[in-house]
């Protein structure tokens, strides 16, 4: 299903769970796997141009290879990439170049982001910026993931009825069909419409495109979105939560501060996935934005 995977790494090892998850996916799907570290945050703007000629990127690559090399031994199509630059820009650039199906990322410490903000004057974490702008799904992993069979059996999709959220619902539908998984689509109201009205709207807007999913339900609740999504994830036993990243916020700098996706991803009991654009799975049945099959391919 995932043919080309990028996972962000740092020498600190804080994203170990994300790296191990990406490796598991690569083994399961015989994917190309790229471990990517973007150097420069610790050194500052002035030294970025000298990182490559000074040999610093080569030393960092060797350090990462020492840490992860044994785990990559049974992933023949894997590569460690260390480049100087701005982390989110380089990860997004490489994802476009490799036409990746999935970007996997782990959390960053508050100290890391505060240092980065003071040094470069940038609000928002690498994780949030990549999640917002990536052309492929971004999975955030902060706990160990076990590749069960099927990989996902209960999927939760949260929608705010925005255009980006429609893409998240469509992708959730594709995943549910691929794995014959149970699918729950939910909306968190912050006032106004009642429970029944919201459920009716969910069914009217998404019901037809989710036809064919045997276990598909719609839920409505009110409260703080991140808390309600986390609660619903626990209640449904979800092993994957899918959302569109801060889709309603017009000011990107405000959106970077405490986005719902980030709050959910860093506190959920399972991986969370950010989907902002329509994206088709690269194996199994293919679906259009209305959820209808448009062609069939042999499973990889």
C-alpha atoms as a PDB file:
ATOM      1  CA  UNK A   1       0.000   0.000   0.000  1.00  0.00           C
ATOM      2  CA  UNK A   2       2.792   2.429   0.905  1.00  0.00           C
ATOM      3  CA  UNK A   3       5.408   2.172  -1.840  1.00  0.00           C
ATOM      4  CA  UNK A   4       7.665   5.119  -0.952  1.00  0.00           C
ATOM      5  CA  UNK A   5       8.005   6.196   2.686  1.00  0.00           C
ATOM      6  CA  UNK A   6       9.912   9.079   4.247  1.00  0.00           C
ATOM      7  CA  UNK A   7      10.584   9.183   7.982  1.00  0.00           C
ATOM      8  CA  UNK A   8      12.191  12.133   9.724  1.00  0.00           C
ATOM      9  CA  UNK A   9      15.057  11.321  12.093  1.00  0.00           C
ATOM     10  CA  UNK A  10      17.330  13.258  14.441  1.00  0.00           C
ATOM     11  CA  UNK A  11      20.488  12.165  16.253  1.00  0.00           C
ATOM     12  CA  UNK A  12      18.594  12.563  19.561  1.00  0.00           C
ATOM     13  CA  UNK A  13      16.506   9.469  18.848  1.00  0.00           C
ATOM     14  CA  UNK A  14      13.286  11.094  20.092  1.00  0.00           C
ATOM     15  CA  UNK A  15      11.448   9.771  17.031  1.00  0.00           C
ATOM     16  CA  UNK A  16      12.475   6.123  17.531  1.00  0.00           C
ATOM     17  CA  UNK A  17       8.854   4.935  17.612  1.00  0.00           C
ATOM     18  CA  UNK A  18       8.162   6.675  14.303  1.00  0.00           C
ATOM     19  CA  UNK A  19      11.276   5.174  12.718  1.00  0.00           C
ATOM     20  CA  UNK A  20      10.398   1.677  13.884  1.00  0.00           C
ATOM     21  CA  UNK A  21       6.841   2.079  12.570  1.00  0.00           C
ATOM     22  CA  UNK A  22       8.129   3.241   9.175  1.00  0.00           C
ATOM     23  CA  UNK A  23      10.477   0.265   9.070  1.00  0.00           C
ATOM     24  CA  UNK A  24       7.612  -2.117   9.858  1.00  0.00           C
ATOM     25  CA  UNK A  25       5.530  -0.626   7.036  1.00  0.00           C
ATOM     26  CA  UNK A  26       8.501  -0.876   4.662  1.00  0.00           C
ATOM     27  CA  UNK A  27       8.966  -4.561   5.477  1.00  0.00           C
ATOM     28  CA  UNK A  28       5.264  -5.325   5.179  1.00  0.00           C
ATOM     29  CA  UNK A  29       4.782  -3.558   1.847  1.00  0.00           C
ATOM     30  CA  UNK A  30       8.334  -4.020   0.461  1.00  0.00           C
ATOM     31  CA  UNK A  31       8.564  -0.241   0.230  1.00  0.00           C
ATOM     32  CA  UNK A  32      11.386   2.139  -0.509  1.00  0.00           C
ATOM     33  CA  UNK A  33      12.316   3.755   2.799  1.00  0.00           C
ATOM     34  CA  UNK A  34      14.129   7.065   3.228  1.00  0.00           C
ATOM     35  CA  UNK A  35      15.454   8.059   6.652  1.00  0.00           C
ATOM     36  CA  UNK A  36      15.854  11.826   6.416  1.00  0.00           C
ATOM     37  CA  UNK A  37      17.714  14.169   8.744  1.00  0.00           C
ATOM     38  CA  UNK A  38      17.925  17.885   7.979  1.00  0.00           C
ATOM     39  CA  UNK A  39      21.003  19.444   9.569  1.00  0.00           C
ATOM     40  CA  UNK A  40      21.323  23.092  10.535  1.00  0.00           C
ATOM     41  CA  UNK A  41      18.998  23.737  13.462  1.00  0.00           C
ATOM     42  CA  UNK A  42      21.726  23.208  16.059  1.00  0.00           C
ATOM     43  CA  UNK A  43      24.350  25.138  14.093  1.00  0.00           C
ATOM     44  CA  UNK A  44      22.350  28.230  13.069  1.00  0.00           C
ATOM     45  CA  UNK A  45      21.812  30.013   9.779  1.00  0.00           C
ATOM     46  CA  UNK A  46      25.414  31.043   9.217  1.00  0.00           C
ATOM     47  CA  UNK A  47      26.818  27.532   9.060  1.00  0.00           C
ATOM     48  CA  UNK A  48      24.268  25.885   6.762  1.00  0.00           C
ATOM     49  CA  UNK A  49      26.351  26.489   3.634  1.00  0.00           C
ATOM     50  CA  UNK A  50      29.414  24.910   5.254  1.00  0.00           C
ATOM     51  CA  UNK A  51      27.802  21.750   6.626  1.00  0.00           C
ATOM     52  CA  UNK A  52      28.340  19.715   3.450  1.00  0.00           C
ATOM     53  CA  UNK A  53      31.891  20.804   2.531  1.00  0.00           C
ATOM     54  CA  UNK A  54      33.051  20.600   6.161  1.00  0.00           C
ATOM     55  CA  UNK A  55      32.029  16.963   6.333  1.00  0.00           C
ATOM     56  CA  UNK A  56      29.442  17.538   9.071  1.00  0.00           C
ATOM     57  CA  UNK A  57      26.583  16.015   7.078  1.00  0.00           C
ATOM     58  CA  UNK A  58      28.725  12.935   6.363  1.00  0.00           C
ATOM     59  CA  UNK A  59      29.476  12.556  10.077  1.00  0.00           C
ATOM     60  CA  UNK A  60      25.778  12.870  10.936  1.00  0.00           C
ATOM     61  CA  UNK A  61      24.904  10.297   8.254  1.00  0.00           C
ATOM     62  CA  UNK A  62      27.473   7.893   9.720  1.00  0.00           C
ATOM     63  CA  UNK A  63      26.062   8.412  13.224  1.00  0.00           C
ATOM     64  CA  UNK A  64      22.502   7.680  12.067  1.00  0.00           C
ATOM     65  CA  UNK A  65      23.734   4.647  10.123  1.00  0.00           C
ATOM     66  CA  UNK A  66      25.398   3.330  13.275  1.00  0.00           C
ATOM     67  CA  UNK A  67      22.168   3.769  15.252  1.00  0.00           C
ATOM     68  CA  UNK A  68      19.756   2.350  12.677  1.00  0.00           C
ATOM     69  CA  UNK A  69      21.938   0.293  10.336  1.00  0.00           C
ATOM     70  CA  UNK A  70      21.261  -3.100  11.982  1.00  0.00           C
ATOM     71  CA  UNK A  71      17.502  -2.473  11.816  1.00  0.00           C
ATOM     72  CA  UNK A  72      17.737  -1.638   8.103  1.00  0.00           C
ATOM     73  CA  UNK A  73      19.569  -4.848   7.208  1.00  0.00           C
ATOM     74  CA  UNK A  74      16.380  -6.608   6.090  1.00  0.00           C
ATOM     75  CA  UNK A  75      15.045  -3.564   4.193  1.00  0.00           C
ATOM     76  CA  UNK A  76      17.083  -3.730   0.971  1.00  0.00           C
ATOM     77  CA  UNK A  77      15.589  -0.600  -0.593  1.00  0.00           C
ATOM     78  CA  UNK A  78      16.425   1.843   2.196  1.00  0.00           C
ATOM     79  CA  UNK A  79      18.515   4.989   2.219  1.00  0.00           C
ATOM     80  CA  UNK A  80      19.791   7.437   4.841  1.00  0.00           C
ATOM     81  CA  UNK A  81      19.715  11.027   3.612  1.00  0.00           C
ATOM     82  CA  UNK A  82      21.298  13.948   5.496  1.00  0.00           C
ATOM     83  CA  UNK A  83      20.994  17.410   3.975  1.00  0.00           C
ATOM     84  CA  UNK A  84      21.530  20.936   5.295  1.00  0.00           C
ATOM     85  CA  UNK A  85      18.599  23.339   5.368  1.00  0.00           C
ATOM     86  CA  UNK A  86      15.263  24.111   6.964  1.00  0.00           C
ATOM     87  CA  UNK A  87      13.701  20.845   8.182  1.00  0.00           C
ATOM     88  CA  UNK A  88      10.132  21.181   6.901  1.00  0.00           C
ATOM     89  CA  UNK A  89      11.245  22.609   3.539  1.00  0.00           C
ATOM     90  CA  UNK A  90      13.710  19.803   2.865  1.00  0.00           C
ATOM     91  CA  UNK A  91      11.323  17.037   3.953  1.00  0.00           C
ATOM     92  CA  UNK A  92       8.572  18.424   1.716  1.00  0.00           C
ATOM     93  CA  UNK A  93      10.984  18.886  -1.186  1.00  0.00           C
ATOM     94  CA  UNK A  94      12.197  15.291  -0.942  1.00  0.00           C
ATOM     95  CA  UNK A  95       8.630  14.001  -0.627  1.00  0.00           C
ATOM     96  CA  UNK A  96       7.733  15.717  -3.909  1.00  0.00           C
ATOM     97  CA  UNK A  97      10.873  14.441  -5.605  1.00  0.00           C
ATOM     98  CA  UNK A  98      10.292  10.830  -4.506  1.00  0.00           C
ATOM     99  CA  UNK A  99       6.500  10.998  -5.008  1.00  0.00           C
ATOM    100  CA  UNK A 100       6.056   9.458  -1.571  1.00  0.00           C
ATOM    101  CA  UNK A 101       2.871   7.738  -0.346  1.00  0.00           C
ATOM    102  CA  UNK A 102       3.543   8.483   3.307  1.00  0.00           C
ATOM    103  CA  UNK A 103       5.600  10.716   5.573  1.00  0.00           C
ATOM    104  CA  UNK A 104       6.109   9.375   9.089  1.00  0.00           C
ATOM    105  CA  UNK A 105       7.120  11.737  11.876  1.00  0.00           C
ATOM    106  CA  UNK A 106       7.576  11.603  15.623  1.00  0.00           C
ATOM    107  CA  UNK A 107       7.164  14.313  18.251  1.00  0.00           C
ATOM    108  CA  UNK A 108       9.677  17.010  19.036  1.00  0.00           C
ATOM    109  CA  UNK A 109      10.530  18.229  22.493  1.00  0.00           C
ATOM    110  CA  UNK A 110       9.344  21.663  23.585  1.00  0.00           C
ATOM    111  CA  UNK A 111      12.985  22.638  24.147  1.00  0.00           C
ATOM    112  CA  UNK A 112      13.824  21.735  20.541  1.00  0.00           C
ATOM    113  CA  UNK A 113      11.059  23.933  19.160  1.00  0.00           C
ATOM    114  CA  UNK A 114      11.823  26.847  21.504  1.00  0.00           C
ATOM    115  CA  UNK A 115      15.476  26.765  20.446  1.00  0.00           C
ATOM    116  CA  UNK A 116      14.471  26.646  16.798  1.00  0.00           C
ATOM    117  CA  UNK A 117      12.040  29.552  17.195  1.00  0.00           C
ATOM    118  CA  UNK A 118      14.624  31.731  18.970  1.00  0.00           C
ATOM    119  CA  UNK A 119      17.323  30.922  16.437  1.00  0.00           C
ATOM    120  CA  UNK A 120      15.347  31.160  13.220  1.00  0.00           C
ATOM    121  CA  UNK A 121      12.349  33.278  14.269  1.00  0.00           C
ATOM    122  CA  UNK A 122       9.865  30.632  13.049  1.00  0.00           C
ATOM    123  CA  UNK A 123       6.596  29.882  14.806  1.00  0.00           C
ATOM    124  CA  UNK A 124       5.327  26.328  14.633  1.00  0.00           C
ATOM    125  CA  UNK A 125       6.997  22.958  14.650  1.00  0.00           C
ATOM    126  CA  UNK A 126       8.408  20.979  11.745  1.00  0.00           C
ATOM    127  CA  UNK A 127       5.690  18.401  12.346  1.00  0.00           C
ATOM    128  CA  UNK A 128       2.902  20.993  12.009  1.00  0.00           C
ATOM    129  CA  UNK A 129       4.378  22.625   8.912  1.00  0.00           C
ATOM    130  CA  UNK A 130       4.903  19.311   7.146  1.00  0.00           C
ATOM    131  CA  UNK A 131       1.406  18.132   8.103  1.00  0.00           C
ATOM    132  CA  UNK A 132      -0.140  21.300   6.754  1.00  0.00           C
ATOM    133  CA  UNK A 133       1.622  21.371   3.379  1.00  0.00           C
ATOM    134  CA  UNK A 134       2.423  17.766   2.452  1.00  0.00           C
ATOM    135  CA  UNK A 135       0.901  16.397  -0.758  1.00  0.00           C
ATOM    136  CA  UNK A 136       0.684  12.919   0.759  1.00  0.00           C
ATOM    137  CA  UNK A 137      -0.650  11.664   4.111  1.00  0.00           C
ATOM    138  CA  UNK A 138       1.492  12.365   7.170  1.00  0.00           C
ATOM    139  CA  UNK A 139       1.417   9.838  10.010  1.00  0.00           C
ATOM    140  CA  UNK A 140       2.443  11.014  13.479  1.00  0.00           C
ATOM    141  CA  UNK A 141       3.676   8.215  15.739  1.00  0.00           C
ATOM    142  CA  UNK A 142       4.704   8.641  19.364  1.00  0.00           C
ATOM    143  CA  UNK A 143       4.170   5.068  20.576  1.00  0.00           C
ATOM    144  CA  UNK A 144       5.310   1.724  19.225  1.00  0.00           C
ATOM    145  CA  UNK A 145       3.112   0.397  16.411  1.00  0.00           C
ATOM    146  CA  UNK A 146       2.527  -3.314  15.827  1.00  0.00           C
ATOM    147  CA  UNK A 147       1.814  -4.404  12.264  1.00  0.00           C
ATOM    148  CA  UNK A 148      -1.200  -6.625  12.823  1.00  0.00           C
ATOM    149  CA  UNK A 149      -3.174  -8.460  10.156  1.00  0.00           C
ATOM    150  CA  UNK A 150      -5.115  -6.568   8.999  1.00  0.00           C
ATOM    151  CA  UNK A 151      -2.958  -3.503   9.567  1.00  0.00           C
ATOM    152  CA  UNK A 152      -5.973  -1.389  10.582  1.00  0.00           C
ATOM    153  CA  UNK A 153      -9.309  -2.761  11.799  1.00  0.00           C
ATOM    154  CA  UNK A 154     -11.027   0.302  13.314  1.00  0.00           C
ATOM    155  CA  UNK A 155     -10.530   3.736  11.755  1.00  0.00           C
ATOM    156  CA  UNK A 156     -11.781   7.055  13.124  1.00  0.00           C
ATOM    157  CA  UNK A 157     -12.067  10.109  10.854  1.00  0.00           C
ATOM    158  CA  UNK A 158     -12.794  13.561  12.315  1.00  0.00           C
ATOM    159  CA  UNK A 159     -14.321  16.166   9.993  1.00  0.00           C
ATOM    160  CA  UNK A 160     -15.132  19.853  10.262  1.00  0.00           C
ATOM    161  CA  UNK A 161     -16.961  19.739   6.880  1.00  0.00           C
ATOM    162  CA  UNK A 162     -14.164  21.698   5.180  1.00  0.00           C
ATOM    163  CA  UNK A 163     -12.782  20.844   1.743  1.00  0.00           C
ATOM    164  CA  UNK A 164      -9.632  19.397   3.293  1.00  0.00           C
ATOM    165  CA  UNK A 165     -11.700  17.295   5.682  1.00  0.00           C
ATOM    166  CA  UNK A 166     -13.583  15.822   2.710  1.00  0.00           C
ATOM    167  CA  UNK A 167     -10.228  14.545   1.459  1.00  0.00           C
ATOM    168  CA  UNK A 168      -9.572  13.008   4.887  1.00  0.00           C
ATOM    169  CA  UNK A 169     -12.980  11.264   4.836  1.00  0.00           C
ATOM    170  CA  UNK A 170     -12.371   9.948   1.304  1.00  0.00           C
ATOM    171  CA  UNK A 171      -8.964   8.590   2.291  1.00  0.00           C
ATOM    172  CA  UNK A 172     -10.453   7.010   5.411  1.00  0.00           C
ATOM    173  CA  UNK A 173     -13.019   5.330   3.179  1.00  0.00           C
ATOM    174  CA  UNK A 174     -10.291   3.948   0.921  1.00  0.00           C
ATOM    175  CA  UNK A 175      -8.402   2.606   3.936  1.00  0.00           C
ATOM    176  CA  UNK A 176     -11.560   1.025   5.362  1.00  0.00           C
ATOM    177  CA  UNK A 177     -12.313  -0.728   2.067  1.00  0.00           C
ATOM    178  CA  UNK A 178      -8.728  -1.870   1.633  1.00  0.00           C
ATOM    179  CA  UNK A 179      -8.588  -3.471   5.089  1.00  0.00           C
ATOM    180  CA  UNK A 180     -12.306  -4.260   5.501  1.00  0.00           C
ATOM    181  CA  UNK A 181     -12.080  -2.108   8.598  1.00  0.00           C
ATOM    182  CA  UNK A 182     -14.841  -0.526  10.666  1.00  0.00           C
ATOM    183  CA  UNK A 183     -15.085   3.221   9.992  1.00  0.00           C
ATOM    184  CA  UNK A 184     -16.443   5.949  12.267  1.00  0.00           C
ATOM    185  CA  UNK A 185     -16.854   9.510  10.951  1.00  0.00           C
ATOM    186  CA  UNK A 186     -17.330  12.150  13.636  1.00  0.00           C
ATOM    187  CA  UNK A 187     -17.838  15.880  13.989  1.00  0.00           C
ATOM    188  CA  UNK A 188     -17.285  17.969  17.113  1.00  0.00           C
ATOM    189  CA  UNK A 189     -19.712  20.880  17.378  1.00  0.00           C
ATOM    190  CA  UNK A 190     -18.661  23.960  19.301  1.00  0.00           C
ATOM    191  CA  UNK A 191     -22.239  25.209  19.679  1.00  0.00           C
ATOM    192  CA  UNK A 192     -25.370  25.607  17.596  1.00  0.00           C
ATOM    193  CA  UNK A 193     -26.550  22.458  15.810  1.00  0.00           C
ATOM    194  CA  UNK A 194     -27.911  19.533  17.820  1.00  0.00           C
ATOM    195  CA  UNK A 195     -26.704  15.935  17.808  1.00  0.00           C
ATOM    196  CA  UNK A 196     -29.374  14.598  15.440  1.00  0.00           C
ATOM    197  CA  UNK A 197     -28.922  17.459  12.988  1.00  0.00           C
ATOM    198  CA  UNK A 198     -25.173  16.881  12.810  1.00  0.00           C
ATOM    199  CA  UNK A 199     -25.533  13.122  12.324  1.00  0.00           C
ATOM    200  CA  UNK A 200     -28.014  13.772   9.507  1.00  0.00           C
ATOM    201  CA  UNK A 201     -25.554  16.137   7.856  1.00  0.00           C
ATOM    202  CA  UNK A 202     -22.733  13.590   8.166  1.00  0.00           C
ATOM    203  CA  UNK A 203     -24.896  10.936   6.547  1.00  0.00           C
ATOM    204  CA  UNK A 204     -26.069  13.274   3.772  1.00  0.00           C
ATOM    205  CA  UNK A 205     -22.597  14.571   2.912  1.00  0.00           C
ATOM    206  CA  UNK A 206     -20.559  11.389   3.270  1.00  0.00           C
ATOM    207  CA  UNK A 207     -22.978   8.465   3.172  1.00  0.00           C
ATOM    208  CA  UNK A 208     -22.939   7.807  -0.567  1.00  0.00           C
ATOM    209  CA  UNK A 209     -19.175   8.017  -0.930  1.00  0.00           C
ATOM    210  CA  UNK A 210     -18.781   5.492   1.898  1.00  0.00           C
ATOM    211  CA  UNK A 211     -21.160   2.933   0.375  1.00  0.00           C
ATOM    212  CA  UNK A 212     -19.789  -0.589   0.497  1.00  0.00           C
ATOM    213  CA  UNK A 213     -18.141  -0.240   3.911  1.00  0.00           C
ATOM    214  CA  UNK A 214     -19.962  -2.837   5.980  1.00  0.00           C
ATOM    215  CA  UNK A 215     -19.286  -1.257   9.377  1.00  0.00           C
ATOM    216  CA  UNK A 216     -19.657   2.499   8.937  1.00  0.00           C
ATOM    217  CA  UNK A 217     -21.070   4.813  11.595  1.00  0.00           C
ATOM    218  CA  UNK A 218     -21.516   8.545  12.186  1.00  0.00           C
ATOM    219  CA  UNK A 219     -21.078  10.284  15.532  1.00  0.00           C
ATOM    220  CA  UNK A 220     -21.607  13.840  16.777  1.00  0.00           C
ATOM    221  CA  UNK A 221     -20.541  15.430  20.034  1.00  0.00           C
ATOM    222  CA  UNK A 222     -19.739  18.833  21.495  1.00  0.00           C
ATOM    223  CA  UNK A 223     -16.757  20.176  23.407  1.00  0.00           C
ATOM    224  CA  UNK A 224     -13.089  20.791  22.783  1.00  0.00           C
ATOM    225  CA  UNK A 225     -12.263  19.040  19.473  1.00  0.00           C
ATOM    226  CA  UNK A 226      -8.991  17.426  20.530  1.00  0.00           C
ATOM    227  CA  UNK A 227     -10.447  16.037  23.765  1.00  0.00           C
ATOM    228  CA  UNK A 228     -13.565  14.685  22.046  1.00  0.00           C
ATOM    229  CA  UNK A 229     -11.569  13.058  19.242  1.00  0.00           C
ATOM    230  CA  UNK A 230      -9.281  11.397  21.787  1.00  0.00           C
ATOM    231  CA  UNK A 231     -12.316  10.210  23.764  1.00  0.00           C
ATOM    232  CA  UNK A 232     -13.982   8.812  20.645  1.00  0.00           C
ATOM    233  CA  UNK A 233     -10.747   7.099  19.644  1.00  0.00           C
ATOM    234  CA  UNK A 234     -10.667   5.297  22.985  1.00  0.00           C
ATOM    235  CA  UNK A 235     -14.384   4.517  22.870  1.00  0.00           C
ATOM    236  CA  UNK A 236     -14.262   2.966  19.399  1.00  0.00           C
ATOM    237  CA  UNK A 237     -10.918   1.220  19.955  1.00  0.00           C
ATOM    238  CA  UNK A 238      -9.503   3.003  16.907  1.00  0.00           C
ATOM    239  CA  UNK A 239      -6.089   1.903  15.659  1.00  0.00           C
ATOM    240  CA  UNK A 240      -5.841   4.898  13.302  1.00  0.00           C
ATOM    241  CA  UNK A 241      -7.194   8.464  13.582  1.00  0.00           C
ATOM    242  CA  UNK A 242      -7.413  10.544  10.395  1.00  0.00           C
ATOM    243  CA  UNK A 243      -7.892  14.332  10.262  1.00  0.00           C
ATOM    244  CA  UNK A 244      -7.217  17.339   8.066  1.00  0.00           C
ATOM    245  CA  UNK A 245      -4.580  19.575   9.618  1.00  0.00           C
ATOM    246  CA  UNK A 246      -5.960  22.884  11.053  1.00  0.00           C
ATOM    247  CA  UNK A 247      -8.064  23.239   7.921  1.00  0.00           C
ATOM    248  CA  UNK A 248     -10.252  26.135   9.101  1.00  0.00           C
ATOM    249  CA  UNK A 249      -7.501  28.464  10.333  1.00  0.00           C
ATOM    250  CA  UNK A 250      -6.724  31.196   7.801  1.00  0.00           C
ATOM    251  CA  UNK A 251      -3.714  32.636   9.619  1.00  0.00           C
ATOM    252  CA  UNK A 252      -0.953  29.998   9.346  1.00  0.00           C
ATOM    253  CA  UNK A 253       0.993  31.375  12.298  1.00  0.00           C
ATOM    254  CA  UNK A 254      -2.076  31.037  14.544  1.00  0.00           C
ATOM    255  CA  UNK A 255      -2.782  27.608  13.104  1.00  0.00           C
ATOM    256  CA  UNK A 256       0.704  26.438  14.074  1.00  0.00           C
ATOM    257  CA  UNK A 257       0.021  27.107  17.739  1.00  0.00           C
ATOM    258  CA  UNK A 258      -1.692  24.149  19.366  1.00  0.00           C
ATOM    259  CA  UNK A 259      -3.463  22.713  16.330  1.00  0.00           C
ATOM    260  CA  UNK A 260      -6.041  19.999  16.952  1.00  0.00           C
ATOM    261  CA  UNK A 261      -4.100  17.467  14.860  1.00  0.00           C
ATOM    262  CA  UNK A 262      -0.945  17.989  16.892  1.00  0.00           C
ATOM    263  CA  UNK A 263      -2.794  17.801  20.211  1.00  0.00           C
ATOM    264  CA  UNK A 264      -4.504  14.580  19.164  1.00  0.00           C
ATOM    265  CA  UNK A 265      -1.402  13.033  17.578  1.00  0.00           C
ATOM    266  CA  UNK A 266       0.789  13.546  20.625  1.00  0.00           C
ATOM    267  CA  UNK A 267      -1.787  12.177  23.078  1.00  0.00           C
ATOM    268  CA  UNK A 268      -3.589   9.422  21.153  1.00  0.00           C
ATOM    269  CA  UNK A 269      -3.166   5.738  21.982  1.00  0.00           C
ATOM    270  CA  UNK A 270      -2.716   5.011  18.240  1.00  0.00           C
ATOM    271  CA  UNK A 271      -1.109   6.703  15.219  1.00  0.00           C
ATOM    272  CA  UNK A 272      -2.767   9.825  13.829  1.00  0.00           C
ATOM    273  CA  UNK A 273      -2.745  10.742  10.151  1.00  0.00           C
ATOM    274  CA  UNK A 274      -3.057  14.158   8.538  1.00  0.00           C
ATOM    275  CA  UNK A 275      -4.626  14.258   5.055  1.00  0.00           C
ATOM    276  CA  UNK A 276      -5.202  17.615   3.366  1.00  0.00           C
ATOM    277  CA  UNK A 277      -5.443  16.629  -0.304  1.00  0.00           C
ATOM    278  CA  UNK A 278      -7.163  13.907  -2.289  1.00  0.00           C
ATOM    279  CA  UNK A 279      -4.775  10.978  -2.459  1.00  0.00           C
ATOM    280  CA  UNK A 280      -5.332   7.465  -3.813  1.00  0.00           C
ATOM    281  CA  UNK A 281      -3.895   4.294  -2.337  1.00  0.00           C
ATOM    282  CA  UNK A 282      -1.390   2.748  -4.717  1.00  0.00           C
ATOM    283  CA  UNK A 283      -2.661  -0.806  -4.393  1.00  0.00           C
ATOM    284  CA  UNK A 284      -5.978  -2.545  -4.369  1.00  0.00           C
ATOM    285  CA  UNK A 285      -9.091  -0.757  -5.582  1.00  0.00           C
ATOM    286  CA  UNK A 286      -8.900   2.879  -6.632  1.00  0.00           C
ATOM    287  CA  UNK A 287     -11.663   5.341  -5.828  1.00  0.00           C
ATOM    288  CA  UNK A 288     -12.690   8.770  -7.052  1.00  0.00           C
ATOM    289  CA  UNK A 289     -13.619  11.604  -4.690  1.00  0.00           C
ATOM    290  CA  UNK A 290     -17.209  10.331  -4.549  1.00  0.00           C
ATOM    291  CA  UNK A 291     -15.966   6.979  -3.271  1.00  0.00           C
ATOM    292  CA  UNK A 292     -16.712   5.048  -6.492  1.00  0.00           C
ATOM    293  CA  UNK A 293     -14.322   2.467  -7.906  1.00  0.00           C
ATOM    294  CA  UNK A 294     -12.571   3.824 -10.999  1.00  0.00           C
ATOM    295  CA  UNK A 295     -10.119   1.007 -11.708  1.00  0.00           C
ATOM    296  CA  UNK A 296      -8.672  -2.108 -10.132  1.00  0.00           C
ATOM    297  CA  UNK A 297      -5.027  -3.119  -9.813  1.00  0.00           C
ATOM    298  CA  UNK A 298      -3.429  -6.340  -8.729  1.00  0.00           C
ATOM    299  CA  UNK A 299      -2.442  -6.256  -5.094  1.00  0.00           C
ATOM    300  CA  UNK A 300       1.267  -5.842  -4.566  1.00  0.00           C
END
